[in-house]
Amino acid sequence: MRVLFAGTPAVAIPSLDALTEAGLEIVAVLTRPDAPTGRKRILTPSPVAARAAELGIDIIHASKVDAGTTERIASYEPDVAAIVAYGGLVPKAALGVPRHGWINLHFSLLPAWRGAAPVQRSLIAGDDITGAATFLLEEGLDTGPIFGTLMETVRPDDTAGDLLERLSRSGAVLLAQTLSAVESGKAAPLPQQGDVSLAPKLTLDDGRLDWTQPALAINRRSRGVTPEPGAWTMLDGQRVKLEPVGMRPDTRDLAPGQIRVDGKNVLVGTGSHAVQLGRIQPAGKKMMPSADWARGLATPESVEFE
């Protein structure tokens, strides 16, 4: 079976590798164009493009699937397209190119968390269980019938990065199994059932911590936005980046945003009990342990996050 693979970030690489190892013929990879990275803004291939080059697979660079891109895809005569976090919509004209359609690996238990940030939104919402699904792509947003699913328990300290890494590997196996079923004619996708929730792409504002919220909500948000766009707060009119915060239910006498140094621990008040800071990155400085940051404050007890 001739397979077009579409993907861009590192979480798509395990799927590309799994399909290659399964013996499927990857005729081309569709990925987003090289993008500037680092302080010097050097144009850098996407992680999937870099892996495809290592594997000797033809690469189609496209920021969107327009008419020209659709023609290039059609020129490879794919039987099926597998898509994992490509980062763009696939229009109707392109959906009809492969005879078996486009099969999407999505990192949620659909119809929960349809959209660009399912893992992040799931963590922020406090889900105990998440997972991944393979489904037939159609014009609606993640609405197509499902081939298969897997479940993953959310661990207490999981960040979005941690959870995505695990799902990318287990999901790669699911995707390979799905394509094998399609190839053998045994695949039988079923309509989605259950409550729908949406997972729009995160913005920088999603990372701001609201200290008037309960500690649990702040903990969940800080984990859900790590590593991107990152948790942050304001201090003296400047944005301060934070790594995920821990729970300190033993401390309840701090006002929201109020800071206290407790030995080597830095505590911050919330709408319920305190949380404990991990690492912190003040404006213009590198990420550092919160205890080191606190030692540089003249009067820590007078400092408050906004």
Foldseek 3Di string as FASTA:
>chain_A
DEEEEAAFAPLQVLLVVLLVVLVHHHQEYEAAAFWQDDPVGDGHGTPVVVVCVVVVHHYDHDPECDPVNLVVVLVSQGQEYEYEHRPYDDDPSSQVRHVLGYKYKAWFQPLEAFENQRLLVCLLVPDQKTWIWIFHDDRDGPFGFTQDIDMDGDDPQAASVNSSNVRSNVSSVVVSVQVVCVVVVNTDTHGTDDDHDHHYDDDPVLQEADQQDDPSSRQSSQRSCPPPPAHWFDWPRFIKGFHHWADDQVAFPADRQFWDDDPQWIWGHGNGGIITTAWMGGPPGDIDGVSVVCVPDPDSRVTGTD
